[in-house]
Protein backbone atom coordinates (compact mmCIF):
# COMPACT_ATOMS: atom_id res chain seq x y z
CA MET A 1 8.87 31.80 -97.77
CA VAL A 2 8.75 29.80 -100.49
CA TYR A 3 8.37 30.81 -103.75
CA VAL A 4 6.06 30.42 -105.89
CA GLU A 5 5.91 32.81 -108.79
CA ASP A 6 5.87 30.20 -111.89
CA ILE A 7 2.41 29.30 -111.64
CA PHE A 8 0.26 32.86 -111.84
CA PRO A 9 1.27 33.58 -115.88
CA PRO A 10 -1.68 31.63 -117.05
CA PHE A 11 -4.46 33.18 -115.04
CA ARG A 12 -2.49 36.69 -114.89
CA ASP A 13 -2.82 36.53 -118.90
CA GLN A 14 -6.47 34.83 -118.40
CA LEU A 15 -6.73 38.53 -116.99
CA THR A 16 -5.15 40.95 -119.55
CA ARG A 17 -9.38 39.77 -121.92
CA TYR A 18 -10.43 41.76 -119.81
CA SER A 19 -11.17 45.67 -119.62
CA CYS A 20 -10.05 46.81 -116.28
CA VAL A 21 -12.80 49.12 -115.37
CA ASP A 22 -15.93 47.44 -116.27
CA SER A 23 -14.80 44.01 -114.83
CA LEU A 24 -14.45 46.44 -111.23
CA LEU A 25 -17.61 47.58 -112.38
CA VAL A 26 -18.53 43.78 -112.58
CA VAL A 27 -17.04 42.75 -109.66
CA HIS A 28 -19.30 45.36 -107.49
CA ALA A 29 -22.42 44.15 -108.98
CA TYR A 30 -21.66 40.60 -107.93
CA ILE A 31 -20.87 41.56 -104.48
CA GLN A 32 -23.05 43.67 -103.83
CA ASN A 33 -25.31 41.13 -104.23
CA LEU A 34 -23.98 39.15 -102.06
CA GLN A 35 -23.92 41.67 -99.19
CA PHE A 36 -27.31 43.24 -99.53
CA ASN A 37 -29.11 41.36 -102.11
CA ARG A 38 -29.20 43.75 -104.22
CA PRO A 39 -30.12 42.61 -108.00
CA MET A 40 -27.89 41.59 -110.92
CA PRO A 41 -27.99 44.47 -112.82
CA ASP A 42 -29.63 43.71 -116.79
CA GLY A 43 -26.35 43.22 -119.31
CA ILE A 44 -24.85 41.01 -116.88
CA GLN A 45 -25.67 37.13 -116.89
CA VAL A 46 -26.09 35.62 -113.73
CA ASP A 47 -26.65 31.64 -114.05
CA PRO A 48 -29.50 30.39 -113.46
CA VAL A 49 -29.30 28.39 -110.46
CA VAL A 50 -26.99 30.51 -108.85
CA ALA A 51 -29.64 33.64 -109.58
CA ARG A 52 -31.41 31.30 -106.79
CA ALA A 53 -29.24 31.02 -104.37
CA GLN A 54 -29.09 32.79 -101.07
CA GLY A 55 -25.83 34.09 -99.23
CA TYR A 56 -22.81 31.53 -99.37
CA GLU A 57 -24.70 29.18 -100.89
CA LYS A 58 -23.38 30.80 -104.41
CA HIS A 59 -20.16 29.22 -103.40
CA TYR A 60 -18.46 32.91 -104.40
CA PHE A 61 -17.83 34.98 -101.81
CA GLU A 62 -16.39 38.20 -100.48
CA TRP A 63 -12.86 38.13 -99.97
CA GLU A 64 -12.41 35.85 -102.97
CA LEU A 65 -14.00 39.36 -104.84
CA ASP A 66 -11.90 41.65 -102.99
CA LEU A 67 -9.01 39.20 -103.86
CA LEU A 68 -9.64 39.57 -108.27
CA SER A 69 -10.40 43.84 -107.52
CA ARG A 70 -6.92 43.92 -106.46
CA GLU A 71 -5.61 41.48 -109.73
CA LEU A 72 -7.88 43.35 -111.69
CA ILE A 73 -6.60 46.03 -110.47
CA GLN A 74 -3.50 45.24 -111.34
CA HIS A 75 -3.30 43.13 -114.68
CA ALA A 76 -6.48 44.02 -116.35
CA PRO A 77 -5.85 46.54 -119.43
CA LEU A 78 -7.96 49.95 -120.50
CA SER A 79 -9.91 48.06 -122.27
CA GLY A 80 -10.23 44.08 -123.55
CA ARG A 81 -11.66 42.04 -126.17
CA HIS A 82 -14.38 39.82 -124.19
CA THR A 83 -16.46 40.75 -121.11
CA LEU A 84 -16.59 39.80 -117.70
CA ARG A 85 -20.63 40.50 -118.10
CA ASN A 86 -20.59 37.02 -119.81
CA TRP A 87 -21.30 34.65 -116.93
CA GLY A 88 -18.93 31.72 -117.92
CA GLU A 89 -16.22 34.28 -118.81
CA PHE A 90 -16.68 35.99 -114.92
CA ALA A 91 -17.28 31.37 -113.53
CA ASN A 92 -14.64 31.02 -115.07
CA THR A 93 -11.78 33.57 -113.88
CA LEU A 94 -13.46 33.42 -110.70
CA ASN A 95 -12.40 29.29 -110.80
CA ALA A 96 -8.68 30.19 -112.38
CA LEU A 97 -9.05 32.52 -108.96
CA LYS A 98 -9.06 29.51 -106.53
CA ASP A 99 -6.47 27.01 -108.75
CA ILE A 100 -4.41 29.78 -108.53
CA GLU A 101 -5.08 29.53 -103.89
CA GLY A 102 -5.23 26.30 -103.87
CA ALA A 103 -1.82 25.92 -106.14
CA VAL A 104 -0.21 28.55 -104.13
CA SER A 105 -1.10 26.42 -101.07
CA ARG A 106 -0.24 22.84 -101.94
CA ARG A 107 3.07 24.56 -103.40
CA THR A 108 4.04 26.37 -99.49
CA GLY A 109 2.12 22.66 -97.37
CA GLU A 110 4.55 22.33 -95.28
CA LEU A 111 5.02 25.65 -94.17
CA LEU A 112 1.31 25.33 -93.78
CA ARG A 113 1.23 22.70 -91.92
CA ARG A 114 3.91 23.49 -89.46
CA ASN A 115 1.82 26.76 -89.03
CA ILE A 116 -1.42 25.83 -89.14
CA LEU A 117 -2.73 27.66 -86.36
CA ILE A 118 -1.45 30.18 -87.75
CA GLU A 119 -2.64 30.03 -91.13
CA MET A 120 -6.45 29.88 -88.76
CA GLY A 121 -5.11 33.57 -87.63
CA ARG A 122 -4.50 35.17 -90.97
CA ASN A 123 -7.96 33.00 -92.99
CA ALA A 124 -10.52 34.82 -89.98
CA TYR A 125 -8.81 38.52 -90.31
CA ARG A 126 -9.32 37.61 -93.57
CA GLN A 127 -12.52 36.76 -94.16
CA PHE A 128 -14.16 37.65 -90.54
CA HIS A 129 -14.65 41.38 -90.98
CA TRP A 130 -16.97 40.42 -94.16
CA GLN A 131 -19.58 39.20 -91.61
CA ARG A 132 -19.69 43.07 -89.69
CA LYS A 133 -21.26 45.15 -93.09
CA PRO A 134 -21.87 48.40 -93.10
CA ASP A 135 -24.58 49.46 -90.84
CA ALA A 136 -25.81 51.81 -88.36
CA ALA A 137 -24.53 51.14 -85.26
CA THR A 138 -20.74 50.40 -86.69
CA LEU A 139 -21.41 54.35 -88.18
CA ALA A 140 -21.95 56.11 -85.05
CA ARG A 141 -19.77 54.26 -82.95
CA TYR A 142 -16.51 55.55 -84.93
CA TYR A 143 -18.74 58.71 -85.30
CA LYS A 144 -19.14 59.11 -81.43
CA ILE A 145 -15.04 58.21 -81.04
CA PHE A 146 -13.34 60.34 -83.71
CA GLY A 147 -16.83 63.05 -83.10
CA GLN A 148 -15.09 64.24 -80.05
CA ALA A 149 -13.48 67.95 -79.42
CA GLY A 150 -9.71 66.67 -78.99
CA LEU A 151 -9.46 64.34 -82.20
CA ASP A 152 -12.69 65.76 -83.95
CA ALA A 153 -9.94 69.16 -83.48
CA ILE A 154 -7.01 66.28 -85.27
CA ILE A 155 -9.05 65.45 -88.19
CA GLU A 156 -9.96 69.14 -89.64
CA ARG A 157 -6.81 70.54 -89.06
CA GLU A 158 -4.98 67.13 -90.95
CA ILE A 159 -7.75 66.13 -93.61
CA GLY A 160 -9.50 69.89 -93.79
CA LEU A 161 -12.71 68.36 -92.60
CA THR A 162 -14.26 68.07 -88.75
CA ALA A 163 -15.56 64.67 -88.15
CA ARG A 164 -19.11 65.26 -89.15
CA GLU A 165 -18.48 66.85 -92.58
CA LEU A 166 -16.09 63.31 -92.54
CA TYR A 167 -19.26 61.06 -92.17
CA ILE A 168 -21.24 63.63 -93.82
CA VAL A 169 -19.55 62.90 -97.50
CA GLY A 170 -18.54 59.08 -96.19
CA MET A 171 -22.85 58.57 -95.60
CA ALA A 172 -23.20 61.04 -99.30
CA LEU A 173 -20.99 58.34 -101.56
CA THR A 174 -21.93 54.73 -99.72
CA GLY A 175 -25.45 55.35 -99.46
CA HIS A 176 -24.74 55.73 -103.68
CA PHE A 177 -22.18 54.01 -104.40
CA LEU A 178 -24.59 51.29 -102.75
CA ASN A 179 -26.68 51.68 -105.54
CA SER A 180 -24.41 51.71 -108.19
CA GLY A 181 -20.74 51.51 -109.12
CA ALA A 182 -19.80 55.01 -110.65
CA HIS A 183 -20.94 58.67 -110.08
CA ILE A 184 -20.40 61.77 -112.62
CA PHE A 185 -16.75 63.70 -111.53
CA PRO A 186 -16.81 66.40 -110.28
CA ILE A 187 -18.94 65.23 -106.92
CA ALA A 188 -21.82 67.86 -106.36
CA ALA A 189 -22.94 67.18 -102.95
CA GLN A 190 -24.12 71.48 -102.48
CA GLU A 191 -27.70 70.24 -101.09
CA ILE A 192 -26.40 68.66 -97.70
CA GLY A 193 -24.01 71.01 -96.61
CA ILE A 194 -20.81 70.45 -98.70
CA SER A 195 -18.84 72.95 -100.47
CA PRO A 196 -16.61 71.76 -103.83
CA GLU A 197 -13.81 72.04 -101.50
CA LYS A 198 -14.29 70.11 -98.83
CA MET A 199 -15.61 67.37 -101.16
CA LYS A 200 -12.24 68.21 -103.22
CA SER A 201 -10.90 66.82 -99.43
CA PHE A 202 -12.17 64.12 -98.96
CA LEU A 203 -12.26 63.26 -102.37
CA ARG A 204 -7.56 63.66 -102.52
CA ARG A 205 -7.76 61.16 -99.37
CA PHE A 206 -9.85 58.59 -100.05
CA SER A 207 -9.66 58.10 -104.06
CA ALA A 208 -7.13 57.69 -106.67
CA PRO A 209 -5.89 57.37 -110.29
CA LEU A 210 -5.95 53.76 -111.53
CA SER A 211 -2.69 54.45 -112.76
CA THR A 212 -2.24 54.77 -109.08
CA LEU A 213 -3.82 52.21 -107.78
CA LYS A 214 -2.05 49.35 -109.98
CA GLN A 215 1.33 50.16 -109.24
CA LEU A 216 0.44 50.26 -106.35
CA ALA A 217 -1.27 46.67 -106.00
CA LEU A 218 2.74 46.16 -107.66
CA GLU A 219 4.71 46.95 -105.07
CA THR A 220 2.75 45.13 -102.23
CA GLN A 221 2.25 42.15 -104.63
CA ALA A 222 4.01 39.27 -102.83
CA HIS A 223 4.97 36.32 -105.52
CA ASN A 224 4.52 33.69 -102.27
CA GLU A 225 2.42 31.61 -99.54
CA ASP A 226 1.19 35.92 -98.68
CA PHE A 227 -0.13 35.60 -102.61
CA ALA A 228 -3.95 36.39 -101.28
CA TYR A 229 -2.85 38.26 -97.96
CA SER A 230 -0.99 41.32 -100.06
CA ARG A 231 -2.57 44.81 -99.99
CA ASN A 232 -5.44 45.92 -102.09
CA PRO A 233 -4.85 49.46 -102.83
CA LEU A 234 -9.22 49.71 -103.11
CA THR A 235 -8.30 49.32 -99.34
CA VAL A 236 -6.32 52.57 -99.45
CA PHE A 237 -8.28 54.17 -101.98
CA PRO A 238 -11.37 53.37 -102.14
CA LEU A 239 -12.82 55.82 -104.74
CA VAL A 240 -10.99 54.98 -108.24
CA HIS A 241 -11.31 58.08 -111.23
CA ALA A 242 -11.64 56.22 -114.42
CA GLY A 243 -12.65 56.84 -117.61
CA LEU A 244 -16.39 55.70 -118.42
CA ASN A 245 -18.22 55.87 -121.50
CA GLY A 246 -15.98 58.86 -121.79
CA ARG A 247 -17.01 60.35 -119.17
CA HIS A 248 -14.29 61.25 -115.95
CA CYS A 249 -15.86 59.29 -113.18
CA VAL A 250 -15.46 57.37 -109.69
CA ILE A 251 -15.84 54.43 -109.69
CA ALA A 252 -15.81 52.08 -106.07
CA PRO A 253 -15.91 48.51 -106.81
CA ILE A 254 -16.20 47.53 -103.08
CA PRO A 255 -18.31 49.97 -100.95
CA THR A 256 -17.90 48.04 -97.87
CA LEU A 257 -13.57 49.21 -98.38
CA LEU A 258 -15.27 52.91 -98.23
CA PHE A 259 -17.26 52.37 -94.68
CA ASP A 260 -14.49 51.52 -93.85
CA ARG A 261 -12.38 53.32 -94.49
CA PHE A 262 -14.05 56.89 -93.58
CA THR A 263 -14.90 54.47 -89.88
CA ALA A 264 -12.35 53.04 -88.54
CA GLY A 265 -9.79 53.80 -91.88
CA VAL A 266 -10.25 57.21 -91.03
CA TYR A 267 -7.20 56.20 -88.24
CA TYR A 268 -5.11 56.07 -90.36
CA GLU A 269 -5.25 60.12 -91.44
CA ILE A 270 -4.06 61.29 -88.08
CA VAL A 271 -1.76 58.40 -86.34
CA LYS A 272 1.16 60.80 -86.99
CA HIS A 273 -0.29 64.25 -85.52
CA PRO A 274 1.64 64.97 -82.41
CA GLU A 275 -1.50 64.84 -80.22
CA PHE A 276 -3.22 61.61 -81.30
CA ALA A 277 -2.54 59.17 -79.38
CA HIS A 278 -3.55 61.05 -75.05
CA ALA A 279 -6.19 62.30 -77.76
CA PHE A 280 -7.64 58.86 -79.07
CA GLY A 281 -7.04 57.34 -76.06
CA ASN A 282 -9.87 59.56 -73.87
CA ALA A 283 -12.21 59.22 -76.59
CA PHE A 284 -12.26 55.68 -76.20
CA GLN A 285 -12.51 55.54 -72.80
CA ARG A 286 -15.30 58.21 -73.21
CA TYR A 287 -17.44 55.98 -75.71
CA VAL A 288 -16.49 52.46 -73.47
CA GLY A 289 -18.10 54.77 -70.64
CA GLU A 290 -20.85 55.58 -72.15
CA VAL A 291 -21.68 51.95 -73.99
CA LEU A 292 -21.66 50.61 -69.91
CA GLU A 293 -24.09 53.34 -69.04
CA VAL A 294 -26.38 52.57 -71.96
CA CYS A 295 -26.61 48.28 -71.84
CA LEU A 296 -26.42 48.76 -67.49
CA SER A 297 -29.72 51.25 -66.16
CA ASN A 298 -31.98 49.41 -64.67
CA GLY A 299 -30.89 50.05 -61.03
CA SER A 300 -29.02 46.16 -60.71
CA PHE A 301 -25.27 47.96 -61.33
CA ALA A 302 -22.32 50.57 -60.45
CA ILE A 303 -20.19 52.11 -62.76
CA TYR A 304 -17.11 53.41 -61.48
CA PRO A 305 -15.26 55.51 -63.23
CA GLU A 306 -11.45 55.61 -63.35
CA CYS A 307 -9.83 58.60 -61.17
CA GLU A 308 -6.56 60.29 -58.83
CA TYR A 309 -5.39 57.73 -56.24
CA HIS A 310 -2.33 58.07 -54.50
CA LEU A 311 -0.35 55.17 -53.15
CA GLY A 312 2.77 56.19 -51.16
CA LYS A 313 4.23 59.21 -52.75
CA ASN A 314 2.74 58.20 -55.94
CA ARG A 315 0.26 58.82 -57.89
CA LYS A 316 -1.25 56.51 -60.07
CA ASN A 317 -4.66 56.39 -62.04
CA THR A 318 -7.67 53.64 -61.01
CA VAL A 319 -8.52 51.03 -63.75
CA ASP A 320 -10.67 52.95 -66.55
CA TRP A 321 -14.01 51.45 -65.45
CA ILE A 322 -15.23 48.99 -63.41
CA VAL A 323 -19.39 47.49 -62.98
CA SER A 324 -19.74 45.19 -59.91
CA ASP A 325 -23.75 43.82 -59.36
CA CYS A 326 -25.03 41.21 -56.54
CA SER A 327 -22.76 38.40 -58.61
CA GLY A 328 -18.87 40.25 -59.42
CA ASN A 329 -16.96 42.87 -60.52
CA MET A 330 -15.87 43.10 -63.83
CA PHE A 331 -12.23 45.74 -64.52
CA PHE A 332 -11.75 47.21 -68.32
CA GLU A 333 -8.88 48.34 -69.52
CA CYS A 334 -8.85 50.41 -72.62
CA LYS A 335 -6.56 50.45 -74.83
CA THR A 336 -6.26 52.13 -78.81
CA LYS A 337 -3.61 49.33 -79.53
CA ARG A 338 -4.24 48.16 -83.43
CA MET A 339 -3.23 44.61 -84.90
CA ARG A 340 -0.23 45.66 -87.55
CA SER A 341 -1.04 44.26 -91.24
CA ASP A 342 2.22 42.24 -91.49
CA SER A 343 0.64 40.56 -87.89
CA LYS A 344 -2.69 39.39 -89.62
CA MET A 345 -1.86 38.04 -92.78
CA ALA A 346 2.45 37.04 -92.49
CA LEU A 347 2.65 33.46 -92.07
CA ALA A 348 6.39 32.66 -92.46
CA ASP A 349 7.60 34.66 -89.66
CA THR A 350 5.63 35.38 -86.50
CA SER A 351 8.25 38.13 -84.83
CA PRO A 352 5.58 41.47 -85.80
CA LEU A 353 3.21 39.33 -84.07
CA LEU A 354 5.03 38.39 -80.99
CA ARG A 355 6.23 42.32 -81.19
CA ASP A 356 1.68 42.69 -81.38
CA LEU A 357 1.59 40.29 -78.59
CA LEU A 358 4.31 41.89 -75.78
CA LYS A 359 2.32 44.74 -75.99
CA ILE A 360 -1.33 42.15 -75.34
CA SER A 361 0.93 40.71 -72.33
CA ALA A 362 1.83 44.29 -70.93
CA PHE A 363 -1.52 46.07 -70.46
CA VAL A 364 -2.88 42.68 -68.90
CA VAL A 365 -0.27 42.59 -65.93
CA GLN A 366 -0.73 46.33 -65.54
CA LEU A 367 -4.64 45.28 -65.75
CA TYR A 368 -3.93 43.37 -63.24
CA LYS A 369 -1.05 45.37 -61.32
CA SER A 370 -4.31 48.11 -61.58
CA ILE A 371 -6.51 44.94 -59.23
CA GLN A 372 -4.16 43.92 -57.17
CA ASP A 373 -4.35 47.48 -55.23
CA ALA A 374 -7.97 48.06 -55.64
CA LYS A 375 -8.41 44.73 -53.47
CA ALA A 376 -5.76 45.56 -50.92
CA GLY A 377 -8.31 48.80 -50.22
CA ASN A 378 -6.18 51.27 -52.04
CA TYR A 379 -8.93 52.77 -54.61
CA PRO A 380 -10.59 55.81 -53.40
CA ASN A 381 -14.15 55.16 -55.10
CA TRP A 382 -14.43 51.31 -55.13
CA ALA A 383 -14.17 48.73 -51.76
CA PRO A 384 -13.40 45.60 -51.91
CA ASN A 385 -15.90 42.83 -51.69
CA ASP A 386 -16.14 38.71 -51.68
CA LYS A 387 -17.76 38.96 -55.26
CA PRO A 388 -15.14 37.65 -57.96
CA VAL A 389 -13.29 39.39 -60.49
CA TYR A 390 -12.91 39.71 -64.27
CA PRO A 391 -10.46 42.02 -66.14
CA LEU A 392 -11.20 43.13 -69.35
CA VAL A 393 -8.53 44.09 -71.89
CA VAL A 394 -10.81 46.30 -74.14
CA LEU A 395 -9.39 46.86 -78.19
CA LEU A 396 -11.22 48.27 -80.32
CA ASP A 397 -10.34 45.63 -82.66
CA GLU A 398 -10.21 42.34 -82.83
CA PHE A 399 -8.29 40.24 -81.82
CA TYR A 400 -7.44 36.88 -82.96
CA LEU A 401 -5.21 34.34 -81.65
CA PHE A 402 -5.99 30.03 -82.61
CA ASP A 403 -2.30 29.10 -82.38
CA ALA A 404 -2.15 27.40 -79.00
CA GLY A 405 1.78 27.40 -78.81
CA LEU A 406 1.59 31.33 -79.23
CA ALA A 407 -1.64 31.74 -76.73
CA GLU A 408 1.35 29.54 -74.33
CA THR A 409 4.56 32.40 -75.35
CA LEU A 410 1.08 35.05 -74.60
CA ASN A 411 0.49 33.89 -70.39
CA ALA A 412 3.83 32.61 -69.87
CA ARG A 413 5.51 36.42 -70.65
CA ILE A 414 2.22 37.57 -68.66
CA SER A 415 3.37 35.12 -65.62
CA GLU A 416 6.42 36.63 -65.62
CA LYS A 417 5.93 40.21 -66.07
CA LEU A 418 3.17 39.66 -62.69
CA LEU A 419 6.02 37.40 -61.18
CA GLU A 420 8.55 40.65 -61.61
CA ARG A 421 5.53 42.29 -59.20
CA ASN A 422 5.03 40.86 -56.52
CA ILE A 423 1.35 38.92 -58.11
CA ASN A 424 1.27 35.31 -57.84
CA PRO A 425 0.62 34.00 -61.35
CA SER A 426 -2.37 31.79 -60.12
CA ILE A 427 -4.57 35.13 -60.64
CA LEU A 428 -4.61 33.91 -64.74
CA ILE A 429 -5.84 30.97 -62.73
CA SER A 430 -8.60 32.21 -60.17
CA SER A 431 -9.58 35.63 -62.72
CA PRO A 432 -8.99 34.74 -67.06
CA TYR A 433 -8.56 38.02 -67.81
CA THR A 434 -10.17 38.32 -71.54
CA ILE A 435 -9.90 39.98 -74.79
CA VAL A 436 -12.85 42.00 -76.33
CA SER A 437 -13.10 44.56 -79.06
CA CYS A 438 -15.14 47.25 -78.21
CA ALA A 439 -18.05 46.15 -80.89
CA ASP A 440 -18.47 42.42 -79.17
CA LEU A 441 -18.07 44.85 -75.58
CA GLU A 442 -21.69 46.84 -77.01
CA ILE A 443 -23.51 43.27 -77.34
CA LEU A 444 -21.46 41.05 -74.53
CA MET A 445 -23.27 44.44 -72.08
CA GLN A 446 -26.42 44.23 -73.02
CA VAL A 447 -25.87 39.76 -72.15
CA ILE A 448 -24.59 40.86 -68.76
CA ALA A 449 -27.67 43.77 -68.22
CA GLU A 450 -30.04 40.90 -68.19
CA ARG A 451 -28.16 37.78 -67.09
CA GLY A 452 -25.73 39.74 -64.29
CA VAL A 453 -22.34 39.51 -63.99
CA GLN A 454 -20.57 36.34 -62.47
CA ARG A 455 -23.62 33.95 -65.03
CA VAL A 456 -21.55 35.23 -67.86
CA MET A 457 -18.10 35.32 -67.35
CA ASP A 458 -18.06 32.59 -65.26
CA ALA A 459 -19.83 30.92 -68.28
CA LYS A 460 -16.78 32.44 -70.58
CA LYS A 461 -14.07 30.36 -68.12
CA GLU A 462 -15.13 26.95 -68.91
CA GLY A 463 -12.86 24.70 -70.63
CA GLU A 464 -12.79 25.66 -74.40
CA LYS A 465 -14.55 28.67 -74.28
CA SER A 466 -12.09 30.75 -72.46
CA LYS A 467 -10.52 30.56 -75.99
CA TRP A 468 -13.39 31.98 -78.36
CA ASN A 469 -13.40 35.11 -78.85
CA MET A 470 -16.02 36.49 -77.21
CA GLY A 471 -18.24 36.67 -80.40
CA VAL A 472 -18.13 33.29 -81.39
CA PHE A 473 -19.04 32.46 -77.53
CA LEU A 474 -22.65 34.59 -77.11
CA SER A 475 -23.83 33.24 -80.57
CA ASN A 476 -23.61 29.68 -78.67
CA GLU A 477 -23.77 30.59 -75.41
CA PHE A 478 -26.60 33.26 -74.68
CA LYS A 479 -28.66 32.96 -78.41
CA SER A 480 -31.58 34.09 -77.62
CA GLU A 481 -29.89 37.08 -75.25
CA LEU A 482 -28.75 38.17 -78.96
CA ASP A 483 -31.71 37.66 -80.39
CA ARG A 484 -32.74 40.76 -77.91
CA THR A 485 -30.22 42.79 -78.40
CA GLY A 486 -29.76 45.93 -80.45
CA GLU A 487 -28.31 49.50 -81.22
CA LEU A 488 -26.93 50.88 -78.14
CA PHE A 489 -27.16 54.29 -80.37
CA PRO A 490 -30.12 54.12 -82.83
CA THR A 491 -29.77 58.24 -83.12
CA GLY A 492 -26.83 58.13 -83.28
CA ILE A 493 -26.47 58.92 -87.27
CA ASP A 494 -28.57 61.07 -87.22
CA GLU A 495 -26.67 63.52 -85.78
CA ILE A 496 -24.28 63.40 -87.98
CA HIS A 497 -27.31 64.36 -90.98
CA PRO A 498 -31.11 63.24 -89.78
CA VAL A 499 -31.96 63.15 -93.90
CA LEU A 500 -29.44 60.49 -95.35
CA ALA A 501 -29.78 59.10 -91.81
CA GLN A 502 -33.21 58.50 -93.27
CA GLN A 503 -32.26 56.90 -96.18
């Protein structure tokens, strides 16, 4: 770990020139322009060349604005003599932040060189998720999972809203903050069926005073190679209570973080409930099955759900799902395991990542053991055949592993455990496993519906493609098919609130 605190003071002094609240509203304007091409509000100057540029041609990025918001929260005062609404001030501040990141990289150069592939991985976790903007598909996915009976009851007990109420409030607030950075407090929502008490329950979980966010930023700051990767308090409390023009307002500097918080992020509100793990696992497995049913409904595929069977005196369960067509078989194991934040972001200490890889290896070994039982004719719902078998571990989140050494460690662990179970590790070559996120699975199955199991999965086995993330693989190898994919559940958000769905 490299200590680099001495390079920060000039930049942090620069931030004391600006009002924190006003600056966060400027961040809101820039990030909405970048993500959704929203016009810049009157009163914010933008260089004409930058204003005409599209997307990343603007030369600033969502993750940089995310980092800037964190630094502003921690260091900018309530009032300031200068404003980021001036293009020169904004550009100089963002360039100073880029210089800080560059200086940290130079100072930690040897550590980066030794761990360059881990650095690529944590960059992926930092940057790639911004490519998935708030959309109806993500909203429908998480509502279909968290809205299932077992989880819905836990959400209501823990948060004070049903899953439907949670998503109604989240949709309404996200819709507002996509267009405006602030809302006068209190926020009324009776017209969409949400009582003041329900709104208070939502805000208790997802909003906090600016002073609280400043304290959180102070507690999580990193004076080393992890500077750019330490947690932004807006990921915990994306809504901020602050004074604006003499009024108590709620602001959302980065609306995407609000969307993330009440969709995927509601997990962290209920994960400690004693009934959560079982309910969440069942809900996720059922959702994957629903994806398979919707995608593979053309009559060319057989879908086999999990069922119980007996092996001697032992009672066992099959894999979660099997999909077969005339060319091959896909065996799915659905796991709700989420990579820990320190696994995604740490550079010097890889032990958290190694612990997560051990858990992933256990999932893979479990899947191969189940496949062995199936091929031995022990499954009551699927008969062995001469078609190839493709094992897939489906995770709720993305999984990136760029480091070849860590990939070898993972496979060595899997091979060791396979041998302990009398399974020849050569199965890793004949039937290589694939780890796929739920979002990519939704696309993968639409492509397979068009091209068939073997055509797609054999292509994934070829050379370097076997190491590619599934989304990258599909976008490179099946671009035309990808262009024909669409929303699996186009009426999904209508189930939440038909009026909000049209906004």
